[in-house]
């Protein structure tokens, strides 16, 4: 590697600290070259890490809009760990480790192709080739995807498009790489469909669906734990009832009353806990969901689909406009349409 003297134009080796022709000193050049080389190496490492799914997921998860759902995630992990501590009869650290491992195993399954397939099955998604508008939708998505790449957006690879037979115009992203539109969307203009696909692609780029999947896994584990506890208690209750049948008389009657009261109190506590936990989860998760909707709107607007998305939102009234009451509004997954349009209009 050669260096050109800025004073006389002569070339000299990078390990020489002065120009051999005019004598110009470059004492700091070797240090600068080494510093630049190390910086390039660090940049290369960051580029490699940036392509890693886990790193990219964590970068997007810890956005300000996800703080409520992260709080609920921490509460889920804490509750699972407490149950693990009680069941394993070990110290707190071992119990917490058991809880984290259980959560991690379940999460691995949920984020696998099997978990993605289950989500598509639950939402009645079918492959696009079952529908007449398959080619049109694929071309529109490819245009949106190329547009996003040209603007420097990190688009997930191998995103799969699906459709269900719902006649109400709608679309949603689910899992890690699935976008599903309804049959009703095909009646809209190409611009509106592209705006919709861009919005859902924004959710995938921001890993919003991954985070919801993480929360869902935690809820399933907690629900399974509660179900197991209830089954065990029902078996105990049944054995007590069978035992009381043999006692008969006053003792049997008193025992039956006491077990009935115990069962009622237990069911009240368990069901009450589940009701509170569910409501808390809905409030926290939906708070993040509404903020993520704004960010996905911004993603579509920055790709150039702002006007089409505004027209689409104004023409299609969301379910949240039909709801009444404080909790209904707080538990809505989508913000008010007027607020969404107003924010879109502010984006330059």
Foldseek 3Di string as FASTA:
>chain_A
DWDADPPPGDIDDQVDQADPPPGHGNPCRNVVVVVVVVVVVVVVVVVVLCPDPVSLLVVLCPDPLNVLLVVLLVVLLVVQLVVQCVVVVDDSVVSSVVSVVVLVVLLVCCLDVNVVVVVCVVVQWDALVVDPCSVVLVVLLVVLVVLCVVVPQDFDPPAGETEHADLAFDWADARQRYIYTYPVVVVDDSLLSSLRSLLRRLCNSSVVRSSVSSSVSSVVVVVVVLVVVVVVLVVVLVVQLVVLVVVDDPVSVVSNVVSVVVVVVVCCVSVVVVVVSVLSSLLSSLSSLAVSSLSSSVSSVVSPSLVSNLVVLVVRADPLVVDDDDSSQSNDNHHHSVVSNVSSVPDD
